[in-house]
Amino acid sequence: MTIEYEEQLQKRFGEKVRELRKAKGLSQESLALVSGLDRTYIGGVERGERNISLLNIHKIANALSVSAKELFNA
């Protein structure tokens, strides 16, 4: 995998998280609170700046009441 491809994957994942968060009417801060993650971390994920771990994917999915699989449906 090239660095460009990895960055594109992270960006698409982050865009999906943002889309679902907004659809649920949540702020980044409220998503962070429910997921147990830091607000700045959530922002970094949404901007595609974070190479997020499987555990944190699960935390975000649970906080959004969706399956982890849905976070990958771009």
PDB file of N, CA and C in Angstrom:
ATOM      1  N   MET A   1       0.845  -1.183   0.000  1.00  0.00           N
ATOM      2  CA  MET A   1       0.000   0.000   0.000  1.00  0.00           C
ATOM      3  C   MET A   1       0.887   1.241   0.000  1.00  0.00           C
ATOM      4  N   THR A   2       0.491   2.206  -0.772  1.00  0.00           N
ATOM      5  CA  THR A   2       1.232   3.461  -0.805  1.00  0.00           C
ATOM      6  C   THR A   2       0.737   4.387   0.305  1.00  0.00           C
ATOM      7  N   ILE A   3       1.552   5.344   0.636  1.00  0.00           N
ATOM      8  CA  ILE A   3       1.177   6.323   1.659  1.00  0.00           C
ATOM      9  C   ILE A   3      -0.065   7.086   1.215  1.00  0.00           C
ATOM     10  N   GLU A   4      -0.150   7.411  -0.058  1.00  0.00           N
ATOM     11  CA  GLU A   4      -1.312   8.147  -0.569  1.00  0.00           C
ATOM     12  C   GLU A   4      -2.591   7.337  -0.392  1.00  0.00           C
ATOM     13  N   TYR A   5      -2.504   6.042  -0.656  1.00  0.00           N
ATOM     14  CA  TYR A   5      -3.677   5.172  -0.498  1.00  0.00           C
ATOM     15  C   TYR A   5      -4.090   5.102   0.969  1.00  0.00           C
ATOM     16  N   GLU A   6      -3.116   4.960   1.865  1.00  0.00           N
ATOM     17  CA  GLU A   6      -3.414   4.906   3.288  1.00  0.00           C
ATOM     18  C   GLU A   6      -4.071   6.198   3.759  1.00  0.00           C
ATOM     19  N   GLU A   7      -3.572   7.323   3.292  1.00  0.00           N
ATOM     20  CA  GLU A   7      -4.160   8.611   3.658  1.00  0.00           C
ATOM     21  C   GLU A   7      -5.582   8.730   3.148  1.00  0.00           C
ATOM     22  N   GLN A   8      -5.820   8.223   1.943  1.00  0.00           N
ATOM     23  CA  GLN A   8      -7.164   8.260   1.359  1.00  0.00           C
ATOM     24  C   GLN A   8      -8.123   7.395   2.185  1.00  0.00           C
ATOM     25  N   LEU A   9      -7.661   6.229   2.624  1.00  0.00           N
ATOM     26  CA  LEU A   9      -8.505   5.362   3.457  1.00  0.00           C
ATOM     27  C   LEU A   9      -8.873   6.046   4.773  1.00  0.00           C
ATOM     28  N   GLN A  10      -7.886   6.658   5.410  1.00  0.00           N
ATOM     29  CA  GLN A  10      -8.130   7.349   6.673  1.00  0.00           C
ATOM     30  C   GLN A  10      -9.100   8.508   6.475  1.00  0.00           C
ATOM     31  N   LYS A  11      -8.970   9.233   5.377  1.00  0.00           N
ATOM     32  CA  LYS A  11      -9.841  10.367   5.095  1.00  0.00           C
ATOM     33  C   LYS A  11     -11.279   9.898   4.868  1.00  0.00           C
ATOM     34  N   ARG A  12     -11.457   8.841   4.085  1.00  0.00           N
ATOM     35  CA  ARG A  12     -12.809   8.327   3.826  1.00  0.00           C
ATOM     36  C   ARG A  12     -13.454   7.803   5.107  1.00  0.00           C
ATOM     37  N   PHE A  13     -12.664   7.127   5.936  1.00  0.00           N
ATOM     38  CA  PHE A  13     -13.182   6.630   7.210  1.00  0.00           C
ATOM     39  C   PHE A  13     -13.640   7.800   8.073  1.00  0.00           C
ATOM     40  N   GLY A  14     -12.808   8.828   8.161  1.00  0.00           N
ATOM     41  CA  GLY A  14     -13.145  10.005   8.961  1.00  0.00           C
ATOM     42  C   GLY A  14     -14.382  10.720   8.463  1.00  0.00           C
ATOM     43  N   GLU A  15     -14.523  10.792   7.156  1.00  0.00           N
ATOM     44  CA  GLU A  15     -15.710  11.426   6.580  1.00  0.00           C
ATOM     45  C   GLU A  15     -16.970  10.654   6.949  1.00  0.00           C
ATOM     46  N   LYS A  16     -16.866   9.329   6.993  1.00  0.00           N
ATOM     47  CA  LYS A  16     -18.019   8.504   7.373  1.00  0.00           C
ATOM     48  C   LYS A  16     -18.372   8.712   8.838  1.00  0.00           C
ATOM     49  N   VAL A  17     -17.354   8.779   9.695  1.00  0.00           N
ATOM     50  CA  VAL A  17     -17.602   9.036  11.109  1.00  0.00           C
ATOM     51  C   VAL A  17     -18.313  10.379  11.263  1.00  0.00           C
ATOM     52  N   ARG A  18     -17.829  11.416  10.583  1.00  0.00           N
ATOM     53  CA  ARG A  18     -18.443  12.744  10.663  1.00  0.00           C
ATOM     54  C   ARG A  18     -19.885  12.709  10.164  1.00  0.00           C
ATOM     55  N   GLU A  19     -20.109  12.038   9.045  1.00  0.00           N
ATOM     56  CA  GLU A  19     -21.457  11.938   8.475  1.00  0.00           C
ATOM     57  C   GLU A  19     -22.423  11.292   9.475  1.00  0.00           C
ATOM     58  N   LEU A  20     -22.015  10.174  10.067  1.00  0.00           N
ATOM     59  CA  LEU A  20     -22.877   9.480  11.020  1.00  0.00           C
ATOM     60  C   LEU A  20     -23.066  10.286  12.299  1.00  0.00           C
ATOM     61  N   ARG A  21     -22.003  10.947  12.755  1.00  0.00           N
ATOM     62  CA  ARG A  21     -22.106  11.772  13.963  1.00  0.00           C
ATOM     63  C   ARG A  21     -23.111  12.893  13.764  1.00  0.00           C
ATOM     64  N   LYS A  22     -23.005  13.571  12.640  1.00  0.00           N
ATOM     65  CA  LYS A  22     -23.927  14.680  12.364  1.00  0.00           C
ATOM     66  C   LYS A  22     -25.358  14.185  12.179  1.00  0.00           C
ATOM     67  N   ALA A  23     -25.517  13.029  11.539  1.00  0.00           N
ATOM     68  CA  ALA A  23     -26.854  12.460  11.341  1.00  0.00           C
ATOM     69  C   ALA A  23     -27.515  12.129  12.681  1.00  0.00           C
ATOM     70  N   LYS A  24     -26.707  11.798  13.681  1.00  0.00           N
ATOM     71  CA  LYS A  24     -27.227  11.505  15.021  1.00  0.00           C
ATOM     72  C   LYS A  24     -27.392  12.772  15.857  1.00  0.00           C
ATOM     73  N   GLY A  25     -26.985  13.919  15.300  1.00  0.00           N
ATOM     74  CA  GLY A  25     -27.122  15.180  16.012  1.00  0.00           C
ATOM     75  C   GLY A  25     -26.124  15.343  17.147  1.00  0.00           C
ATOM     76  N   LEU A  26     -24.963  14.710  17.025  1.00  0.00           N
ATOM     77  CA  LEU A  26     -23.951  14.768  18.072  1.00  0.00           C
ATOM     78  C   LEU A  26     -22.833  15.745  17.709  1.00  0.00           C
ATOM     79  N   SER A  27     -22.312  16.412  18.699  1.00  0.00           N
ATOM     80  CA  SER A  27     -21.114  17.220  18.514  1.00  0.00           C
ATOM     81  C   SER A  27     -19.904  16.295  18.674  1.00  0.00           C
ATOM     82  N   GLN A  28     -18.745  16.782  18.268  1.00  0.00           N
ATOM     83  CA  GLN A  28     -17.530  16.004  18.489  1.00  0.00           C
ATOM     84  C   GLN A  28     -17.332  15.761  19.982  1.00  0.00           C
ATOM     85  N   GLU A  29     -17.630  16.759  20.769  1.00  0.00           N
ATOM     86  CA  GLU A  29     -17.455  16.636  22.219  1.00  0.00           C
ATOM     87  C   GLU A  29     -18.373  15.573  22.805  1.00  0.00           C
ATOM     88  N   SER A  30     -19.622  15.538  22.369  1.00  0.00           N
ATOM     89  CA  SER A  30     -20.541  14.538  22.913  1.00  0.00           C
ATOM     90  C   SER A  30     -20.173  13.138  22.443  1.00  0.00           C
ATOM     91  N   LEU A  31     -19.721  13.000  21.191  1.00  0.00           N
ATOM     92  CA  LEU A  31     -19.262  11.694  20.706  1.00  0.00           C
ATOM     93  C   LEU A  31     -18.043  11.240  21.511  1.00  0.00           C
ATOM     94  N   ALA A  32     -17.147  12.162  21.785  1.00  0.00           N
ATOM     95  CA  ALA A  32     -15.963  11.837  22.581  1.00  0.00           C
ATOM     96  C   ALA A  32     -16.365  11.367  23.973  1.00  0.00           C
ATOM     97  N   LEU A  33     -17.298  12.049  24.575  1.00  0.00           N
ATOM     98  CA  LEU A  33     -17.740  11.700  25.920  1.00  0.00           C
ATOM     99  C   LEU A  33     -18.349  10.298  25.948  1.00  0.00           C
ATOM    100  N   VAL A  34     -19.235  10.019  25.003  1.00  0.00           N
ATOM    101  CA  VAL A  34     -19.914   8.720  24.966  1.00  0.00           C
ATOM    102  C   VAL A  34     -18.934   7.591  24.634  1.00  0.00           C
ATOM    103  N   SER A  35     -17.970   7.862  23.769  1.00  0.00           N
ATOM    104  CA  SER A  35     -17.026   6.820  23.346  1.00  0.00           C
ATOM    105  C   SER A  35     -15.858   6.648  24.307  1.00  0.00           C
ATOM    106  N   GLY A  36     -15.657   7.599  25.197  1.00  0.00           N
ATOM    107  CA  GLY A  36     -14.530   7.525  26.115  1.00  0.00           C
ATOM    108  C   GLY A  36     -13.219   7.951  25.486  1.00  0.00           C
ATOM    109  N   LEU A  37     -13.306   8.688  24.385  1.00  0.00           N
ATOM    110  CA  LEU A  37     -12.118   9.183  23.693  1.00  0.00           C
ATOM    111  C   LEU A  37     -12.042  10.698  23.831  1.00  0.00           C
ATOM    112  N   ASP A  38     -10.897  11.259  23.566  1.00  0.00           N
ATOM    113  CA  ASP A  38     -10.713  12.707  23.656  1.00  0.00           C
ATOM    114  C   ASP A  38     -11.327  13.409  22.452  1.00  0.00           C
ATOM    115  N   ARG A  39     -11.861  14.609  22.673  1.00  0.00           N
ATOM    116  CA  ARG A  39     -12.465  15.376  21.579  1.00  0.00           C
ATOM    117  C   ARG A  39     -11.468  15.667  20.472  1.00  0.00           C
ATOM    118  N   THR A  40     -10.232  15.968  20.834  1.00  0.00           N
ATOM    119  CA  THR A  40      -9.234  16.259  19.796  1.00  0.00           C
ATOM    120  C   THR A  40      -8.897  15.009  18.992  1.00  0.00           C
ATOM    121  N   TYR A  41      -9.000  13.843  19.626  1.00  0.00           N
ATOM    122  CA  TYR A  41      -8.781  12.583  18.913  1.00  0.00           C
ATOM    123  C   TYR A  41      -9.890  12.377  17.876  1.00  0.00           C
ATOM    124  N   ILE A  42     -11.142  12.619  18.288  1.00  0.00           N
ATOM    125  CA  ILE A  42     -12.285  12.481  17.368  1.00  0.00           C
ATOM    126  C   ILE A  42     -12.090  13.421  16.178  1.00  0.00           C
ATOM    127  N   GLY A  43     -11.685  14.660  16.438  1.00  0.00           N
ATOM    128  CA  GLY A  43     -11.435  15.612  15.355  1.00  0.00           C
ATOM    129  C   GLY A  43     -10.361  15.116  14.411  1.00  0.00           C
ATOM    130  N   GLY A  44      -9.300  14.550  14.956  1.00  0.00           N
ATOM    131  CA  GLY A  44      -8.226  14.003  14.124  1.00  0.00           C
ATOM    132  C   GLY A  44      -8.682  12.831  13.279  1.00  0.00           C
ATOM    133  N   VAL A  45      -9.537  11.991  13.848  1.00  0.00           N
ATOM    134  CA  VAL A  45     -10.105  10.868  13.090  1.00  0.00           C
ATOM    135  C   VAL A  45     -10.944  11.404  11.935  1.00  0.00           C
ATOM    136  N   GLU A  46     -11.802  12.369  12.218  1.00  0.00           N
ATOM    137  CA  GLU A  46     -12.695  12.911  11.186  1.00  0.00           C
ATOM    138  C   GLU A  46     -11.921  13.617  10.072  1.00  0.00           C
ATOM    139  N   ARG A  47     -10.780  14.189  10.392  1.00  0.00           N
ATOM    140  CA  ARG A  47      -9.955  14.846   9.370  1.00  0.00           C
ATOM    141  C   ARG A  47      -9.036  13.869   8.651  1.00  0.00           C
ATOM    142  N   GLY A  48      -9.054  12.605   9.048  1.00  0.00           N
ATOM    143  CA  GLY A  48      -8.210  11.594   8.416  1.00  0.00           C
ATOM    144  C   GLY A  48      -6.759  11.680   8.842  1.00  0.00           C
ATOM    145  N   GLU A  49      -6.505  12.270   9.991  1.00  0.00           N
ATOM    146  CA  GLU A  49      -5.140  12.450  10.478  1.00  0.00           C
ATOM    147  C   GLU A  49      -4.685  11.304  11.383  1.00  0.00           C
ATOM    148  N   ARG A  50      -5.607  10.451  11.790  1.00  0.00           N
ATOM    149  CA  ARG A  50      -5.298   9.380  12.736  1.00  0.00           C
ATOM    150  C   ARG A  50      -5.388   8.017  12.061  1.00  0.00           C
ATOM    151  N   ASN A  51      -4.426   7.175  12.352  1.00  0.00           N
ATOM    152  CA  ASN A  51      -4.493   5.775  11.964  1.00  0.00           C
ATOM    153  C   ASN A  51      -5.122   5.050  13.147  1.00  0.00           C
ATOM    154  N   ILE A  52      -6.422   4.974  13.138  1.00  0.00           N
ATOM    155  CA  ILE A  52      -7.219   4.562  14.289  1.00  0.00           C
ATOM    156  C   ILE A  52      -7.096   3.056  14.543  1.00  0.00           C
ATOM    157  N   SER A  53      -7.081   2.685  15.824  1.00  0.00           N
ATOM    158  CA  SER A  53      -6.969   1.275  16.202  1.00  0.00           C
ATOM    159  C   SER A  53      -8.329   0.583  16.141  1.00  0.00           C
ATOM    160  N   LEU A  54      -8.279  -0.721  16.081  1.00  0.00           N
ATOM    161  CA  LEU A  54      -9.496  -1.524  16.057  1.00  0.00           C
ATOM    162  C   LEU A  54     -10.345  -1.273  17.298  1.00  0.00           C
ATOM    163  N   LEU A  55      -9.708  -1.168  18.439  1.00  0.00           N
ATOM    164  CA  LEU A  55     -10.429  -0.911  19.687  1.00  0.00           C
ATOM    165  C   LEU A  55     -11.176   0.424  19.632  1.00  0.00           C
ATOM    166  N   ASN A  56     -10.536   1.461  19.110  1.00  0.00           N
ATOM    167  CA  ASN A  56     -11.190   2.772  19.015  1.00  0.00           C
ATOM    168  C   ASN A  56     -12.275   2.797  17.950  1.00  0.00           C
ATOM    169  N   ILE A  57     -12.113   2.021  16.890  1.00  0.00           N
ATOM    170  CA  ILE A  57     -13.183   1.883  15.892  1.00  0.00           C
ATOM    171  C   ILE A  57     -14.420   1.314  16.581  1.00  0.00           C
ATOM    172  N   HIS A  58     -14.210   0.310  17.391  1.00  0.00           N
ATOM    173  CA  HIS A  58     -15.317  -0.320  18.118  1.00  0.00           C
ATOM    174  C   HIS A  58     -15.974   0.669  19.080  1.00  0.00           C
ATOM    175  N   LYS A  59     -15.186   1.453  19.790  1.00  0.00           N
ATOM    176  CA  LYS A  59     -15.727   2.446  20.726  1.00  0.00           C
ATOM    177  C   LYS A  59     -16.583   3.479  19.997  1.00  0.00           C
ATOM    178  N   ILE A  60     -16.095   3.968  18.855  1.00  0.00           N
ATOM    179  CA  ILE A  60     -16.841   4.968  18.089  1.00  0.00           C
ATOM    180  C   ILE A  60     -18.125   4.366  17.525  1.00  0.00           C
ATOM    181  N   ALA A  61     -18.038   3.147  16.993  1.00  0.00           N
ATOM    182  CA  ALA A  61     -19.231   2.485  16.453  1.00  0.00           C
ATOM    183  C   ALA A  61     -20.289   2.312  17.538  1.00  0.00           C
ATOM    184  N   ASN A  62     -19.882   1.857  18.709  1.00  0.00           N
ATOM    185  CA  ASN A  62     -20.836   1.695  19.809  1.00  0.00           C
ATOM    186  C   ASN A  62     -21.456   3.031  20.201  1.00  0.00           C
ATOM    187  N   ALA A  63     -20.646   4.077  20.259  1.00  0.00           N
ATOM    188  CA  ALA A  63     -21.156   5.395  20.634  1.00  0.00           C
ATOM    189  C   ALA A  63     -22.156   5.921  19.609  1.00  0.00           C
ATOM    190  N   LEU A  64     -21.979   5.536  18.353  1.00  0.00           N
ATOM    191  CA  LEU A  64     -22.890   5.969  17.283  1.00  0.00           C
ATOM    192  C   LEU A  64     -24.040   4.979  17.076  1.00  0.00           C
ATOM    193  N   SER A  65     -24.043   3.898  17.831  1.00  0.00           N
ATOM    194  CA  SER A  65     -25.070   2.839  17.714  1.00  0.00           C
ATOM    195  C   SER A  65     -25.121   2.250  16.314  1.00  0.00           C
ATOM    196  N   VAL A  66     -23.947   1.998  15.745  1.00  0.00           N
ATOM    197  CA  VAL A  66     -23.843   1.353  14.438  1.00  0.00           C
ATOM    198  C   VAL A  66     -22.823   0.219  14.552  1.00  0.00           C
ATOM    199  N   SER A  67     -22.805  -0.663  13.550  1.00  0.00           N
ATOM    200  CA  SER A  67     -21.786  -1.696  13.532  1.00  0.00           C
ATOM    201  C   SER A  67     -20.477  -1.097  13.055  1.00  0.00           C
ATOM    202  N   ALA A  68     -19.384  -1.705  13.457  1.00  0.00           N
ATOM    203  CA  ALA A  68     -18.079  -1.238  12.991  1.00  0.00           C
ATOM    204  C   ALA A  68     -18.015  -1.302  11.464  1.00  0.00           C
ATOM    205  N   LYS A  69     -18.657  -2.282  10.894  1.00  0.00           N
ATOM    206  CA  LYS A  69     -18.684  -2.435   9.433  1.00  0.00           C
ATOM    207  C   LYS A  69     -19.266  -1.204   8.758  1.00  0.00           C
ATOM    208  N   GLU A  70     -20.275  -0.618   9.369  1.00  0.00           N
ATOM    209  CA  GLU A  70     -20.925   0.556   8.756  1.00  0.00           C
ATOM    210  C   GLU A  70     -19.973   1.738   8.648  1.00  0.00           C
ATOM    211  N   LEU A  71     -18.988   1.817   9.525  1.00  0.00           N
ATOM    212  CA  LEU A  71     -18.020   2.913   9.466  1.00  0.00           C
ATOM    213  C   LEU A  71     -17.128   2.821   8.219  1.00  0.00           C
ATOM    214  N   PHE A  72     -17.091   1.629   7.609  1.00  0.00           N
ATOM    215  CA  PHE A  72     -16.265   1.447   6.429  1.00  0.00           C
ATOM    216  C   PHE A  72     -17.052   1.573   5.128  1.00  0.00           C
ATOM    217  N   ASN A  73     -18.357   1.773   5.226  1.00  0.00           N
ATOM    218  CA  ASN A  73     -19.186   1.948   4.030  1.00  0.00           C
ATOM    219  C   ASN A  73     -19.161   3.403   3.601  1.00  0.00           C
ATOM    220  N   ALA A  74     -18.290   3.694   2.670  1.00  0.00           N
ATOM    221  CA  ALA A  74     -18.116   5.096   2.232  1.00  0.00           C
ATOM    222  C   ALA A  74     -19.107   5.471   1.161  1.00  0.00           C
TER     223      ALA A  74
END
